[in-house]
PDB file of all heavy atoms in Angstrom:
ATOM      1  N   LEU A   1       1.633   6.180  13.453  1.00  0.00           N
ATOM      2  CA  LEU A   1       1.037   7.172  12.561  1.00  0.00           C
ATOM      3  C   LEU A   1      -0.424   6.822  12.321  1.00  0.00           C
ATOM      4  O   LEU A   1      -0.865   5.707  12.579  1.00  0.00           O
ATOM      5  CB  LEU A   1       1.780   7.191  11.221  1.00  0.00           C
ATOM      6  CG  LEU A   1       3.257   7.548  11.284  1.00  0.00           C
ATOM      7  CD1 LEU A   1       3.910   7.317   9.931  1.00  0.00           C
ATOM      8  CD2 LEU A   1       3.454   8.990  11.734  1.00  0.00           C
ATOM      9  N   LYS A   2      -1.158   7.775  11.787  1.00  0.00           N
ATOM     10  CA  LYS A   2      -2.549   7.525  11.427  1.00  0.00           C
ATOM     11  C   LYS A   2      -2.596   6.756  10.110  1.00  0.00           C
ATOM     12  O   LYS A   2      -1.762   6.986   9.228  1.00  0.00           O
ATOM     13  CB  LYS A   2      -3.301   8.840  11.260  1.00  0.00           C
ATOM     14  CG  LYS A   2      -3.447   9.614  12.541  1.00  0.00           C
ATOM     15  CD  LYS A   2      -4.205  10.895  12.289  1.00  0.00           C
ATOM     16  CE  LYS A   2      -4.340  11.679  13.586  1.00  0.00           C
ATOM     17  NZ  LYS A   2      -5.068  12.929  13.367  1.00  0.00           N
ATOM     18  N   PRO A   3      -3.569   5.864   9.955  1.00  0.00           N
ATOM     19  CA  PRO A   3      -3.707   5.162   8.669  1.00  0.00           C
ATOM     20  C   PRO A   3      -3.852   6.130   7.495  1.00  0.00           C
ATOM     21  O   PRO A   3      -3.354   5.853   6.399  1.00  0.00           O
ATOM     22  CB  PRO A   3      -4.970   4.317   8.859  1.00  0.00           C
ATOM     23  CG  PRO A   3      -5.003   4.046  10.334  1.00  0.00           C
ATOM     24  CD  PRO A   3      -4.501   5.339  10.959  1.00  0.00           C
ATOM     25  N   SER A   4      -4.478   7.267   7.718  1.00  0.00           N
ATOM     26  CA  SER A   4      -4.628   8.243   6.629  1.00  0.00           C
ATOM     27  C   SER A   4      -3.276   8.815   6.194  1.00  0.00           C
ATOM     28  O   SER A   4      -3.100   9.160   5.019  1.00  0.00           O
ATOM     29  CB  SER A   4      -5.575   9.363   7.041  1.00  0.00           C
ATOM     30  OG  SER A   4      -5.068  10.062   8.166  1.00  0.00           O
ATOM     31  N   THR A   5      -2.329   8.901   7.114  1.00  0.00           N
ATOM     32  CA  THR A   5      -0.990   9.373   6.760  1.00  0.00           C
ATOM     33  C   THR A   5      -0.312   8.364   5.850  1.00  0.00           C
ATOM     34  O   THR A   5       0.282   8.726   4.827  1.00  0.00           O
ATOM     35  CB  THR A   5      -0.139   9.605   8.028  1.00  0.00           C
ATOM     36  OG1 THR A   5      -0.771  10.587   8.833  1.00  0.00           O
ATOM     37  CG2 THR A   5       1.270  10.052   7.679  1.00  0.00           C
ATOM     38  N   ILE A   6      -0.415   7.082   6.188  1.00  0.00           N
ATOM     39  CA  ILE A   6       0.177   6.039   5.350  1.00  0.00           C
ATOM     40  C   ILE A   6      -0.521   5.989   3.995  1.00  0.00           C
ATOM     41  O   ILE A   6       0.131   5.818   2.960  1.00  0.00           O
ATOM     42  CB  ILE A   6       0.119   4.672   6.067  1.00  0.00           C
ATOM     43  CG1 ILE A   6       0.948   4.710   7.356  1.00  0.00           C
ATOM     44  CG2 ILE A   6       0.609   3.558   5.151  1.00  0.00           C
ATOM     45  CD1 ILE A   6       2.414   5.035   7.182  1.00  0.00           C
ATOM     46  N   ALA A   7      -1.832   6.179   3.978  1.00  0.00           N
ATOM     47  CA  ALA A   7      -2.568   6.215   2.706  1.00  0.00           C
ATOM     48  C   ALA A   7      -2.074   7.375   1.841  1.00  0.00           C
ATOM     49  O   ALA A   7      -1.901   7.233   0.631  1.00  0.00           O
ATOM     50  CB  ALA A   7      -4.059   6.334   2.961  1.00  0.00           C
ATOM     51  N   SER A   8      -1.812   8.510   2.472  1.00  0.00           N
ATOM     52  CA  SER A   8      -1.286   9.671   1.750  1.00  0.00           C
ATOM     53  C   SER A   8       0.108   9.380   1.199  1.00  0.00           C
ATOM     54  O   SER A   8       0.416   9.710   0.052  1.00  0.00           O
ATOM     55  CB  SER A   8      -1.240  10.883   2.681  1.00  0.00           C
ATOM     56  OG  SER A   8      -0.642  11.985   2.049  1.00  0.00           O
ATOM     57  N   TYR A   9       0.959   8.754   2.011  1.00  0.00           N
ATOM     58  CA  TYR A   9       2.296   8.370   1.543  1.00  0.00           C
ATOM     59  C   TYR A   9       2.186   7.434   0.342  1.00  0.00           C
ATOM     60  O   TYR A   9       2.924   7.575  -0.630  1.00  0.00           O
ATOM     61  CB  TYR A   9       3.080   7.659   2.645  1.00  0.00           C
ATOM     62  CG  TYR A   9       3.568   8.526   3.776  1.00  0.00           C
ATOM     63  CD1 TYR A   9       4.147   7.940   4.893  1.00  0.00           C
ATOM     64  CD2 TYR A   9       3.464   9.914   3.764  1.00  0.00           C
ATOM     65  CE1 TYR A   9       4.613   8.706   5.958  1.00  0.00           C
ATOM     66  CE2 TYR A   9       3.914  10.688   4.818  1.00  0.00           C
ATOM     67  CZ  TYR A   9       4.490  10.076   5.912  1.00  0.00           C
ATOM     68  OH  TYR A   9       4.953  10.835   6.961  1.00  0.00           O
ATOM     69  N   ALA A  10       1.267   6.476   0.405  1.00  0.00           N
ATOM     70  CA  ALA A  10       1.086   5.531  -0.693  1.00  0.00           C
ATOM     71  C   ALA A  10       0.642   6.255  -1.962  1.00  0.00           C
ATOM     72  O   ALA A  10       1.168   5.989  -3.054  1.00  0.00           O
ATOM     73  CB  ALA A  10       0.069   4.461  -0.305  1.00  0.00           C
ATOM     74  N   LYS A  11      -0.296   7.168  -1.821  1.00  0.00           N
ATOM     75  CA  LYS A  11      -0.808   7.920  -2.973  1.00  0.00           C
ATOM     76  C   LYS A  11       0.297   8.738  -3.630  1.00  0.00           C
ATOM     77  O   LYS A  11       0.337   8.888  -4.844  1.00  0.00           O
ATOM     78  CB  LYS A  11      -1.955   8.827  -2.521  1.00  0.00           C
ATOM     79  CG  LYS A  11      -2.673   9.526  -3.639  1.00  0.00           C
ATOM     80  CD  LYS A  11      -3.863  10.296  -3.123  1.00  0.00           C
ATOM     81  CE  LYS A  11      -4.610  10.945  -4.274  1.00  0.00           C
ATOM     82  NZ  LYS A  11      -5.796  11.651  -3.816  1.00  0.00           N
ATOM     83  N   LYS A  12       1.221   9.250  -2.815  1.00  0.00           N
ATOM     84  CA  LYS A  12       2.334  10.067  -3.311  1.00  0.00           C
ATOM     85  C   LYS A  12       3.531   9.232  -3.740  1.00  0.00           C
ATOM     86  O   LYS A  12       4.542   9.780  -4.172  1.00  0.00           O
ATOM     87  CB  LYS A  12       2.768  11.049  -2.223  1.00  0.00           C
ATOM     88  CG  LYS A  12       1.722  12.074  -1.875  1.00  0.00           C
ATOM     89  CD  LYS A  12       2.174  12.920  -0.702  1.00  0.00           C
ATOM     90  CE  LYS A  12       1.080  13.890  -0.276  1.00  0.00           C
ATOM     91  NZ  LYS A  12       1.476  14.653   0.920  1.00  0.00           N
ATOM     92  N   GLY A  13       3.436   7.904  -3.607  1.00  0.00           N
ATOM     93  CA  GLY A  13       4.546   7.036  -3.993  1.00  0.00           C
ATOM     94  C   GLY A  13       5.706   7.070  -3.015  1.00  0.00           C
ATOM     95  O   GLY A  13       6.845   6.797  -3.392  1.00  0.00           O
ATOM     96  N   MET A  14       5.414   7.392  -1.757  1.00  0.00           N
ATOM     97  CA  MET A  14       6.471   7.550  -0.759  1.00  0.00           C
ATOM     98  C   MET A  14       6.756   6.271   0.043  1.00  0.00           C
ATOM     99  O   MET A  14       7.707   6.243   0.811  1.00  0.00           O
ATOM    100  CB  MET A  14       6.101   8.684   0.201  1.00  0.00           C
ATOM    101  CG  MET A  14       6.041  10.037  -0.469  1.00  0.00           C
ATOM    102  SD  MET A  14       5.345  11.352   0.578  1.00  0.00           S
ATOM    103  CE  MET A  14       6.451  11.345   1.970  1.00  0.00           C
ATOM    104  N   LEU A  15       5.960   5.227  -0.130  1.00  0.00           N
ATOM    105  CA  LEU A  15       6.205   3.979   0.586  1.00  0.00           C
ATOM    106  C   LEU A  15       7.217   3.140  -0.198  1.00  0.00           C
ATOM    107  O   LEU A  15       7.349   3.289  -1.415  1.00  0.00           O
ATOM    108  CB  LEU A  15       4.910   3.171   0.736  1.00  0.00           C
ATOM    109  CG  LEU A  15       3.860   3.724   1.681  1.00  0.00           C
ATOM    110  CD1 LEU A  15       2.639   2.804   1.685  1.00  0.00           C
ATOM    111  CD2 LEU A  15       4.401   3.879   3.085  1.00  0.00           C
ATOM    112  N   PRO A  16       7.911   2.242   0.494  1.00  0.00           N
ATOM    113  CA  PRO A  16       8.810   1.348  -0.246  1.00  0.00           C
ATOM    114  C   PRO A  16       7.989   0.392  -1.104  1.00  0.00           C
ATOM    115  O   PRO A  16       6.801   0.187  -0.844  1.00  0.00           O
ATOM    116  CB  PRO A  16       9.557   0.600   0.863  1.00  0.00           C
ATOM    117  CG  PRO A  16       8.634   0.623   2.028  1.00  0.00           C
ATOM    118  CD  PRO A  16       7.895   1.935   1.930  1.00  0.00           C
ATOM    119  N   PRO A  17       8.607  -0.192  -2.114  1.00  0.00           N
ATOM    120  CA  PRO A  17       7.869  -1.175  -2.914  1.00  0.00           C
ATOM    121  C   PRO A  17       7.385  -2.317  -2.023  1.00  0.00           C
ATOM    122  O   PRO A  17       8.107  -2.737  -1.115  1.00  0.00           O
ATOM    123  CB  PRO A  17       8.908  -1.680  -3.914  1.00  0.00           C
ATOM    124  CG  PRO A  17       9.978  -0.639  -3.934  1.00  0.00           C
ATOM    125  CD  PRO A  17       9.979  -0.008  -2.580  1.00  0.00           C
ATOM    126  N   PRO A  18       6.174  -2.802  -2.248  1.00  0.00           N
ATOM    127  CA  PRO A  18       5.664  -3.905  -1.426  1.00  0.00           C
ATOM    128  C   PRO A  18       6.450  -5.184  -1.688  1.00  0.00           C
ATOM    129  O   PRO A  18       7.012  -5.380  -2.764  1.00  0.00           O
ATOM    130  CB  PRO A  18       4.207  -4.047  -1.861  1.00  0.00           C
ATOM    131  CG  PRO A  18       4.140  -3.421  -3.195  1.00  0.00           C
ATOM    132  CD  PRO A  18       5.200  -2.376  -3.251  1.00  0.00           C
ATOM    133  N   ASP A  19       6.467  -6.037  -0.684  1.00  0.00           N
ATOM    134  CA  ASP A  19       7.139  -7.328  -0.796  1.00  0.00           C
ATOM    135  C   ASP A  19       6.207  -8.409  -1.315  1.00  0.00           C
ATOM    136  O   ASP A  19       6.675  -9.469  -1.738  1.00  0.00           O
ATOM    137  CB  ASP A  19       7.682  -7.749   0.579  1.00  0.00           C
ATOM    138  CG  ASP A  19       8.756  -6.800   1.070  1.00  0.00           C
ATOM    139  OD1 ASP A  19       9.752  -6.628   0.344  1.00  0.00           O
ATOM    140  OD2 ASP A  19       8.595  -6.215   2.158  1.00  0.00           O
ATOM    141  N   ALA A  20       4.904  -8.149  -1.276  1.00  0.00           N
ATOM    142  CA  ALA A  20       3.938  -9.167  -1.717  1.00  0.00           C
ATOM    143  C   ALA A  20       2.648  -8.503  -2.173  1.00  0.00           C
ATOM    144  O   ALA A  20       2.323  -7.391  -1.757  1.00  0.00           O
ATOM    145  CB  ALA A  20       3.630 -10.126  -0.569  1.00  0.00           C
ATOM    146  N   LEU A  21       1.943  -9.202  -3.035  1.00  0.00           N
ATOM    147  CA  LEU A  21       0.600  -8.822  -3.449  1.00  0.00           C
ATOM    148  C   LEU A  21      -0.267 -10.053  -3.264  1.00  0.00           C
ATOM    149  O   LEU A  21       0.030 -11.121  -3.808  1.00  0.00           O
ATOM    150  CB  LEU A  21       0.561  -8.373  -4.904  1.00  0.00           C
ATOM    151  CG  LEU A  21      -0.814  -8.110  -5.500  1.00  0.00           C
ATOM    152  CD1 LEU A  21      -1.521  -6.985  -4.762  1.00  0.00           C
ATOM    153  CD2 LEU A  21      -0.709  -7.788  -6.966  1.00  0.00           C
ATOM    154  N   VAL A  22      -1.310  -9.890  -2.475  1.00  0.00           N
ATOM    155  CA  VAL A  22      -2.223 -10.997  -2.210  1.00  0.00           C
ATOM    156  C   VAL A  22      -3.554 -10.668  -2.857  1.00  0.00           C
ATOM    157  O   VAL A  22      -4.120  -9.605  -2.619  1.00  0.00           O
ATOM    158  CB  VAL A  22      -2.413 -11.208  -0.689  1.00  0.00           C
ATOM    159  CG1 VAL A  22      -3.387 -12.335  -0.424  1.00  0.00           C
ATOM    160  CG2 VAL A  22      -1.073 -11.483  -0.019  1.00  0.00           C
ATOM    161  N   GLY A  23      -4.039 -11.550  -3.677  1.00  0.00           N
ATOM    162  CA  GLY A  23      -5.304 -11.323  -4.363  1.00  0.00           C
ATOM    163  C   GLY A  23      -5.089 -10.734  -5.742  1.00  0.00           C
ATOM    164  O   GLY A  23      -3.970 -10.427  -6.143  1.00  0.00           O
ATOM    165  N   LEU A  24      -6.176 -10.584  -6.454  1.00  0.00           N
ATOM    166  CA  LEU A  24      -6.122 -10.090  -7.824  1.00  0.00           C
ATOM    167  C   LEU A  24      -7.000  -8.869  -8.005  1.00  0.00           C
ATOM    168  O   LEU A  24      -7.987  -8.688  -7.294  1.00  0.00           O
ATOM    169  CB  LEU A  24      -6.588 -11.186  -8.788  1.00  0.00           C
ATOM    170  CG  LEU A  24      -5.764 -12.481  -8.791  1.00  0.00           C
ATOM    171  CD1 LEU A  24      -6.467 -13.537  -9.640  1.00  0.00           C
ATOM    172  CD2 LEU A  24      -4.373 -12.220  -9.308  1.00  0.00           C
ATOM    173  N   GLY A  25      -6.662  -8.061  -8.972  1.00  0.00           N
ATOM    174  CA  GLY A  25      -7.491  -6.924  -9.359  1.00  0.00           C
ATOM    175  C   GLY A  25      -7.730  -5.927  -8.239  1.00  0.00           C
ATOM    176  O   GLY A  25      -6.850  -5.653  -7.431  1.00  0.00           O
ATOM    177  N   GLN A  26      -8.945  -5.402  -8.198  1.00  0.00           N
ATOM    178  CA  GLN A  26      -9.319  -4.377  -7.227  1.00  0.00           C
ATOM    179  C   GLN A  26      -9.236  -4.867  -5.785  1.00  0.00           C
ATOM    180  O   GLN A  26      -9.107  -4.094  -4.862  1.00  0.00           O
ATOM    181  CB  GLN A  26     -10.738  -3.879  -7.510  1.00  0.00           C
ATOM    182  CG  GLN A  26     -10.886  -3.164  -8.826  1.00  0.00           C
ATOM    183  CD  GLN A  26     -10.232  -1.799  -8.813  1.00  0.00           C
ATOM    184  OE1 GLN A  26     -10.115  -1.161  -7.779  1.00  0.00           O
ATOM    185  NE2 GLN A  26      -9.796  -1.341  -9.971  1.00  0.00           N
ATOM    186  N   ARG A  27      -9.325  -6.160  -5.577  1.00  0.00           N
ATOM    187  CA  ARG A  27      -9.316  -6.722  -4.215  1.00  0.00           C
ATOM    188  C   ARG A  27      -7.922  -7.125  -3.750  1.00  0.00           C
ATOM    189  O   ARG A  27      -7.750  -7.665  -2.677  1.00  0.00           O
ATOM    190  CB  ARG A  27     -10.263  -7.909  -4.134  1.00  0.00           C
ATOM    191  CG  ARG A  27     -11.700  -7.486  -4.340  1.00  0.00           C
ATOM    192  CD  ARG A  27     -12.630  -8.658  -4.180  1.00  0.00           C
ATOM    193  NE  ARG A  27     -13.983  -8.239  -4.453  1.00  0.00           N
ATOM    194  CZ  ARG A  27     -14.910  -8.096  -3.521  1.00  0.00           C
ATOM    195  NH1 ARG A  27     -14.642  -8.359  -2.282  1.00  0.00           N
ATOM    196  NH2 ARG A  27     -16.116  -7.713  -3.853  1.00  0.00           N
ATOM    197  N   GLY A  28      -6.914  -6.870  -4.568  1.00  0.00           N
ATOM    198  CA  GLY A  28      -5.551  -7.201  -4.186  1.00  0.00           C
ATOM    199  C   GLY A  28      -5.079  -6.322  -3.034  1.00  0.00           C
ATOM    200  O   GLY A  28      -5.471  -5.165  -2.914  1.00  0.00           O
ATOM    201  N   THR A  29      -4.261  -6.880  -2.185  1.00  0.00           N
ATOM    202  CA  THR A  29      -3.729  -6.158  -1.039  1.00  0.00           C
ATOM    203  C   THR A  29      -2.217  -6.291  -1.042  1.00  0.00           C
ATOM    204  O   THR A  29      -1.679  -7.385  -1.211  1.00  0.00           O
ATOM    205  CB  THR A  29      -4.279  -6.750   0.287  1.00  0.00           C
ATOM    206  OG1 THR A  29      -5.687  -6.624   0.278  1.00  0.00           O
ATOM    207  CG2 THR A  29      -3.714  -6.033   1.486  1.00  0.00           C
ATOM    208  N   TYR A  30      -1.541  -5.178  -0.857  1.00  0.00           N
ATOM    209  CA  TYR A  30      -0.089  -5.184  -0.776  1.00  0.00           C
ATOM    210  C   TYR A  30       0.347  -5.525   0.636  1.00  0.00           C
ATOM    211  O   TYR A  30      -0.351  -5.233   1.597  1.00  0.00           O
ATOM    212  CB  TYR A  30       0.483  -3.816  -1.156  1.00  0.00           C
ATOM    213  CG  TYR A  30       0.278  -3.472  -2.616  1.00  0.00           C
ATOM    214  CD1 TYR A  30      -0.575  -2.451  -2.992  1.00  0.00           C
ATOM    215  CD2 TYR A  30       0.954  -4.180  -3.597  1.00  0.00           C
ATOM    216  CE1 TYR A  30      -0.760  -2.141  -4.327  1.00  0.00           C
ATOM    217  CE2 TYR A  30       0.768  -3.874  -4.941  1.00  0.00           C
ATOM    218  CZ  TYR A  30      -0.084  -2.853  -5.294  1.00  0.00           C
ATOM    219  OH  TYR A  30      -0.262  -2.550  -6.616  1.00  0.00           O
ATOM    220  N   GLY A  31       1.525  -6.120   0.739  1.00  0.00           N
ATOM    221  CA  GLY A  31       2.077  -6.448   2.043  1.00  0.00           C
ATOM    222  C   GLY A  31       3.568  -6.138   2.082  1.00  0.00           C
ATOM    223  O   GLY A  31       4.265  -6.258   1.071  1.00  0.00           O
ATOM    224  N   TRP A  32       4.029  -5.714   3.236  1.00  0.00           N
ATOM    225  CA  TRP A  32       5.432  -5.381   3.451  1.00  0.00           C
ATOM    226  C   TRP A  32       5.981  -6.216   4.594  1.00  0.00           C
ATOM    227  O   TRP A  32       5.298  -6.406   5.616  1.00  0.00           O
ATOM    228  CB  TRP A  32       5.591  -3.904   3.811  1.00  0.00           C
ATOM    229  CG  TRP A  32       5.310  -2.968   2.692  1.00  0.00           C
ATOM    230  CD1 TRP A  32       6.215  -2.381   1.869  1.00  0.00           C
ATOM    231  CD2 TRP A  32       4.035  -2.474   2.255  1.00  0.00           C
ATOM    232  NE1 TRP A  32       5.584  -1.572   0.949  1.00  0.00           N
ATOM    233  CE2 TRP A  32       4.243  -1.610   1.176  1.00  0.00           C
ATOM    234  CE3 TRP A  32       2.723  -2.706   2.689  1.00  0.00           C
ATOM    235  CZ2 TRP A  32       3.207  -0.964   0.515  1.00  0.00           C
ATOM    236  CZ3 TRP A  32       1.689  -2.055   2.022  1.00  0.00           C
ATOM    237  CH2 TRP A  32       1.935  -1.196   0.951  1.00  0.00           C
TER     238      TRP A  32
END
């Protein structure tokens, strides 16, 4: 899929809950 499609899914809450969060605040990145 296109990254924009996954970004749209994330914005709509359609992705599964992430398994990890790396970093803090605005610079944090989710991981699955």
